[in-house]
Amino acid sequence: MQTIQEIINAHGDFSHDGDPEGVTREWEKYFQNPQEVDAWLRSRCYKPICAHQFKQRGITPEEASIVVIFNSVLDTIGFHVSSKVMDYEEAEELLLITPSF
């Protein structure tokens, strides 16, 4: 099984902004399971606090992976929220009207 830091490194620069050790510590504050961290990073939710807030709100990595157009940008809900383009309430509203496939 890979460590959280190995998973972060595998996801590239977007996942750690040049500080894989610091970001690993941030992820470890909220998540101990490397596969869970991998699922959030695959959803393009690159901020550990954002993934934690999603989880607290009952939003799964699979739901955060849904691709939507928001402010003329096509990307995942996880990316939109973690990059502060969309807030959590807007994400929840989109999830209510976006069918899962």
N, C-alpha and C. Protein backbone atom coordinates (compact mmCIF):
# COMPACT_ATOMS: atom_id res chain seq x y z
N MET A 1 0.85 -1.18 0.00
CA MET A 1 0.00 0.00 0.00
C MET A 1 0.90 1.25 0.00
N GLN A 2 0.51 2.22 -0.81
CA GLN A 2 1.25 3.47 -0.88
C GLN A 2 0.98 4.34 0.35
N THR A 3 1.96 5.17 0.67
CA THR A 3 1.76 6.14 1.75
C THR A 3 1.02 7.36 1.19
N ILE A 4 0.55 8.19 2.08
CA ILE A 4 -0.12 9.42 1.64
C ILE A 4 0.84 10.29 0.84
N GLN A 5 2.08 10.40 1.28
CA GLN A 5 3.04 11.22 0.54
C GLN A 5 3.32 10.64 -0.85
N GLU A 6 3.40 9.34 -0.98
CA GLU A 6 3.61 8.72 -2.30
C GLU A 6 2.42 9.02 -3.22
N ILE A 7 1.24 8.98 -2.67
CA ILE A 7 0.04 9.29 -3.47
C ILE A 7 0.06 10.75 -3.90
N ILE A 8 0.39 11.64 -2.99
CA ILE A 8 0.46 13.06 -3.32
C ILE A 8 1.49 13.29 -4.42
N ASN A 9 2.66 12.69 -4.28
CA ASN A 9 3.70 12.83 -5.31
C ASN A 9 3.23 12.30 -6.66
N ALA A 10 2.50 11.20 -6.64
CA ALA A 10 2.01 10.60 -7.89
C ALA A 10 1.01 11.50 -8.61
N HIS A 11 0.32 12.36 -7.87
CA HIS A 11 -0.66 13.26 -8.48
C HIS A 11 -0.02 14.54 -9.03
N GLY A 12 1.25 14.75 -8.78
CA GLY A 12 1.96 15.86 -9.39
C GLY A 12 1.87 17.17 -8.64
N ASP A 13 2.41 18.20 -9.30
CA ASP A 13 2.56 19.52 -8.67
C ASP A 13 1.26 20.15 -8.20
N PHE A 14 0.16 19.92 -8.93
CA PHE A 14 -1.11 20.50 -8.50
C PHE A 14 -1.48 20.04 -7.09
N SER A 15 -1.07 18.83 -6.75
CA SER A 15 -1.48 18.28 -5.45
C SER A 15 -0.63 18.78 -4.29
N HIS A 16 0.52 19.40 -4.57
CA HIS A 16 1.36 19.81 -3.44
C HIS A 16 2.04 21.17 -3.60
N ASP A 17 1.89 21.84 -4.71
CA ASP A 17 2.45 23.18 -4.91
C ASP A 17 3.93 23.27 -4.51
N GLY A 18 4.69 22.21 -4.78
CA GLY A 18 6.12 22.24 -4.49
C GLY A 18 6.50 21.91 -3.06
N ASP A 19 5.52 21.56 -2.22
CA ASP A 19 5.80 21.23 -0.82
C ASP A 19 5.11 19.92 -0.44
N PRO A 20 5.57 18.79 -1.00
CA PRO A 20 4.88 17.53 -0.72
C PRO A 20 4.87 17.14 0.76
N GLU A 21 5.93 17.45 1.49
CA GLU A 21 5.97 17.09 2.91
C GLU A 21 4.95 17.90 3.71
N GLY A 22 4.88 19.20 3.46
CA GLY A 22 3.92 20.05 4.16
C GLY A 22 2.49 19.68 3.83
N VAL A 23 2.23 19.41 2.58
CA VAL A 23 0.87 19.04 2.17
C VAL A 23 0.50 17.67 2.74
N THR A 24 1.48 16.77 2.81
CA THR A 24 1.22 15.46 3.42
C THR A 24 0.77 15.65 4.86
N ARG A 25 1.45 16.51 5.60
CA ARG A 25 1.05 16.76 6.99
C ARG A 25 -0.38 17.33 7.06
N GLU A 26 -0.72 18.21 6.12
CA GLU A 26 -2.09 18.76 6.09
C GLU A 26 -3.11 17.66 5.87
N TRP A 27 -2.87 16.80 4.87
CA TRP A 27 -3.80 15.70 4.59
C TRP A 27 -3.92 14.79 5.81
N GLU A 28 -2.80 14.53 6.47
CA GLU A 28 -2.81 13.62 7.62
C GLU A 28 -3.57 14.19 8.82
N LYS A 29 -3.80 15.49 8.86
CA LYS A 29 -4.64 16.08 9.90
C LYS A 29 -6.08 15.58 9.80
N TYR A 30 -6.53 15.34 8.56
CA TYR A 30 -7.93 15.01 8.31
C TYR A 30 -8.17 13.57 7.88
N PHE A 31 -7.18 12.95 7.25
CA PHE A 31 -7.36 11.62 6.67
C PHE A 31 -6.16 10.74 6.99
N GLN A 32 -6.42 9.50 7.42
CA GLN A 32 -5.35 8.56 7.68
C GLN A 32 -5.27 7.47 6.60
N ASN A 33 -6.28 7.35 5.80
CA ASN A 33 -6.34 6.31 4.79
C ASN A 33 -5.81 6.84 3.45
N PRO A 34 -4.69 6.30 2.98
CA PRO A 34 -4.12 6.78 1.71
C PRO A 34 -5.08 6.65 0.52
N GLN A 35 -5.90 5.59 0.51
CA GLN A 35 -6.84 5.43 -0.61
C GLN A 35 -7.91 6.53 -0.61
N GLU A 36 -8.27 6.99 0.57
CA GLU A 36 -9.24 8.09 0.64
C GLU A 36 -8.62 9.38 0.12
N VAL A 37 -7.37 9.64 0.47
CA VAL A 37 -6.66 10.81 -0.06
C VAL A 37 -6.58 10.71 -1.57
N ASP A 38 -6.26 9.53 -2.08
CA ASP A 38 -6.18 9.32 -3.53
C ASP A 38 -7.52 9.62 -4.20
N ALA A 39 -8.61 9.18 -3.58
CA ALA A 39 -9.94 9.43 -4.15
C ALA A 39 -10.23 10.93 -4.23
N TRP A 40 -9.88 11.67 -3.17
CA TRP A 40 -10.11 13.12 -3.20
C TRP A 40 -9.24 13.79 -4.25
N LEU A 41 -7.98 13.36 -4.36
CA LEU A 41 -7.10 13.96 -5.37
C LEU A 41 -7.56 13.62 -6.78
N ARG A 42 -8.09 12.40 -6.99
CA ARG A 42 -8.63 12.05 -8.31
C ARG A 42 -9.82 12.92 -8.66
N SER A 43 -10.53 13.41 -7.65
CA SER A 43 -11.67 14.32 -7.91
C SER A 43 -11.19 15.74 -8.18
N ARG A 44 -9.86 15.93 -8.14
CA ARG A 44 -9.22 17.23 -8.34
C ARG A 44 -9.50 18.19 -7.19
N CYS A 45 -9.80 17.62 -6.04
CA CYS A 45 -9.94 18.40 -4.80
C CYS A 45 -8.56 18.38 -4.15
N TYR A 46 -7.78 19.43 -4.39
CA TYR A 46 -6.39 19.45 -4.00
C TYR A 46 -6.13 20.02 -2.61
N LYS A 47 -7.12 20.54 -1.96
CA LYS A 47 -6.95 21.14 -0.64
C LYS A 47 -7.52 20.20 0.42
N PRO A 48 -6.70 19.75 1.37
CA PRO A 48 -7.19 18.83 2.40
C PRO A 48 -8.38 19.37 3.19
N ILE A 49 -8.36 20.64 3.52
CA ILE A 49 -9.48 21.22 4.27
C ILE A 49 -10.75 21.18 3.45
N CYS A 50 -10.63 21.35 2.16
CA CYS A 50 -11.80 21.29 1.27
C CYS A 50 -12.38 19.87 1.26
N ALA A 51 -11.52 18.88 1.12
CA ALA A 51 -11.98 17.49 1.14
C ALA A 51 -12.65 17.17 2.48
N HIS A 52 -12.07 17.65 3.55
CA HIS A 52 -12.64 17.44 4.88
C HIS A 52 -14.03 18.09 4.98
N GLN A 53 -14.15 19.32 4.49
CA GLN A 53 -15.45 20.00 4.53
C GLN A 53 -16.48 19.28 3.67
N PHE A 54 -16.06 18.81 2.50
CA PHE A 54 -16.98 18.01 1.67
C PHE A 54 -17.47 16.80 2.47
N LYS A 55 -16.53 16.08 3.07
CA LYS A 55 -16.89 14.88 3.83
C LYS A 55 -17.84 15.22 4.97
N GLN A 56 -17.59 16.33 5.67
CA GLN A 56 -18.47 16.76 6.76
C GLN A 56 -19.88 17.06 6.26
N ARG A 57 -19.98 17.50 5.02
CA ARG A 57 -21.28 17.84 4.43
C ARG A 57 -21.93 16.64 3.75
N GLY A 58 -21.27 15.48 3.79
CA GLY A 58 -21.83 14.27 3.20
C GLY A 58 -21.57 14.14 1.71
N ILE A 59 -20.65 14.92 1.18
CA ILE A 59 -20.30 14.85 -0.24
C ILE A 59 -19.13 13.89 -0.40
N THR A 60 -19.28 12.94 -1.29
CA THR A 60 -18.26 11.91 -1.50
C THR A 60 -17.25 12.35 -2.57
N PRO A 61 -16.10 11.68 -2.62
CA PRO A 61 -15.15 11.97 -3.70
C PRO A 61 -15.77 11.75 -5.09
N GLU A 62 -16.63 10.75 -5.19
CA GLU A 62 -17.29 10.49 -6.48
C GLU A 62 -18.17 11.65 -6.90
N GLU A 63 -18.89 12.22 -5.94
CA GLU A 63 -19.73 13.39 -6.25
C GLU A 63 -18.86 14.60 -6.58
N ALA A 64 -17.76 14.77 -5.86
CA ALA A 64 -16.84 15.88 -6.13
C ALA A 64 -16.17 15.73 -7.49
N SER A 65 -16.19 14.50 -8.05
CA SER A 65 -15.58 14.23 -9.36
C SER A 65 -16.48 14.61 -10.53
N ILE A 66 -17.73 14.94 -10.26
CA ILE A 66 -18.65 15.28 -11.35
C ILE A 66 -18.15 16.54 -12.04
N VAL A 67 -18.10 16.48 -13.36
CA VAL A 67 -17.61 17.59 -14.16
C VAL A 67 -18.78 18.50 -14.51
N VAL A 68 -18.59 19.79 -14.26
CA VAL A 68 -19.62 20.79 -14.54
C VAL A 68 -18.98 22.02 -15.17
N ILE A 69 -19.80 22.81 -15.83
CA ILE A 69 -19.36 24.12 -16.30
C ILE A 69 -19.82 25.13 -15.26
N PHE A 70 -18.86 25.85 -14.72
CA PHE A 70 -19.17 26.87 -13.71
C PHE A 70 -18.33 28.10 -14.03
N ASN A 71 -18.99 29.24 -14.16
CA ASN A 71 -18.29 30.48 -14.57
C ASN A 71 -17.47 30.25 -15.85
N SER A 72 -18.07 29.56 -16.78
CA SER A 72 -17.48 29.28 -18.10
C SER A 72 -16.26 28.37 -18.06
N VAL A 73 -16.03 27.67 -16.95
CA VAL A 73 -14.90 26.75 -16.82
C VAL A 73 -15.43 25.34 -16.63
N LEU A 74 -14.94 24.41 -17.45
CA LEU A 74 -15.31 23.01 -17.36
C LEU A 74 -14.30 22.29 -16.47
N ASP A 75 -14.75 21.79 -15.32
CA ASP A 75 -13.88 21.05 -14.41
C ASP A 75 -14.75 20.36 -13.38
N THR A 76 -14.11 19.65 -12.45
CA THR A 76 -14.86 18.94 -11.43
C THR A 76 -15.36 19.89 -10.34
N ILE A 77 -16.38 19.45 -9.66
CA ILE A 77 -16.88 20.22 -8.52
C ILE A 77 -15.77 20.36 -7.49
N GLY A 78 -15.00 19.30 -7.28
CA GLY A 78 -13.90 19.36 -6.33
C GLY A 78 -12.88 20.43 -6.67
N PHE A 79 -12.55 20.54 -7.95
CA PHE A 79 -11.59 21.56 -8.37
C PHE A 79 -12.17 22.96 -8.20
N HIS A 80 -13.41 23.13 -8.64
CA HIS A 80 -14.04 24.46 -8.52
C HIS A 80 -14.06 24.94 -7.06
N VAL A 81 -14.40 24.05 -6.13
CA VAL A 81 -14.46 24.46 -4.73
C VAL A 81 -13.07 24.63 -4.15
N SER A 82 -12.15 23.71 -4.43
CA SER A 82 -10.82 23.82 -3.84
C SER A 82 -10.03 25.00 -4.40
N SER A 83 -10.40 25.47 -5.58
CA SER A 83 -9.75 26.66 -6.13
C SER A 83 -10.53 27.94 -5.82
N LYS A 84 -11.57 27.80 -5.00
CA LYS A 84 -12.38 28.93 -4.50
C LYS A 84 -13.14 29.67 -5.59
N VAL A 85 -13.46 28.95 -6.65
CA VAL A 85 -14.30 29.51 -7.71
C VAL A 85 -15.78 29.31 -7.35
N MET A 86 -16.04 28.24 -6.62
CA MET A 86 -17.39 27.86 -6.22
C MET A 86 -17.37 27.65 -4.71
N ASP A 87 -18.48 27.99 -4.04
CA ASP A 87 -18.52 27.71 -2.61
C ASP A 87 -19.26 26.39 -2.35
N TYR A 88 -19.24 25.95 -1.11
CA TYR A 88 -19.84 24.66 -0.77
C TYR A 88 -21.34 24.63 -1.03
N GLU A 89 -22.01 25.73 -0.77
CA GLU A 89 -23.45 25.77 -1.00
C GLU A 89 -23.77 25.64 -2.49
N GLU A 90 -22.98 26.28 -3.34
CA GLU A 90 -23.19 26.15 -4.79
C GLU A 90 -22.92 24.71 -5.23
N ALA A 91 -21.93 24.07 -4.65
CA ALA A 91 -21.64 22.67 -4.97
C ALA A 91 -22.82 21.78 -4.58
N GLU A 92 -23.35 22.01 -3.40
CA GLU A 92 -24.50 21.22 -2.95
C GLU A 92 -25.70 21.42 -3.86
N GLU A 93 -25.95 22.65 -4.30
CA GLU A 93 -27.06 22.92 -5.22
C GLU A 93 -26.86 22.19 -6.54
N LEU A 94 -25.64 22.22 -7.07
CA LEU A 94 -25.36 21.51 -8.32
C LEU A 94 -25.57 20.01 -8.17
N LEU A 95 -25.17 19.46 -7.05
CA LEU A 95 -25.33 18.02 -6.83
C LEU A 95 -26.80 17.62 -6.75
N LEU A 96 -27.64 18.55 -6.32
CA LEU A 96 -29.08 18.24 -6.27
C LEU A 96 -29.69 18.17 -7.66
N ILE A 97 -29.11 18.91 -8.63
CA ILE A 97 -29.72 18.95 -9.97
C ILE A 97 -28.91 18.19 -11.02
N THR A 98 -27.73 17.68 -10.66
CA THR A 98 -26.88 16.98 -11.62
C THR A 98 -27.11 15.48 -11.48
N PRO A 99 -27.58 14.83 -12.55
CA PRO A 99 -27.80 13.39 -12.47
C PRO A 99 -26.46 12.64 -12.38
N SER A 100 -26.45 11.55 -11.62
CA SER A 100 -25.26 10.70 -11.56
C SER A 100 -25.37 9.64 -12.64
N PHE A 101 -24.27 9.35 -13.28
CA PHE A 101 -24.27 8.35 -14.35
C PHE A 101 -23.45 7.16 -13.96
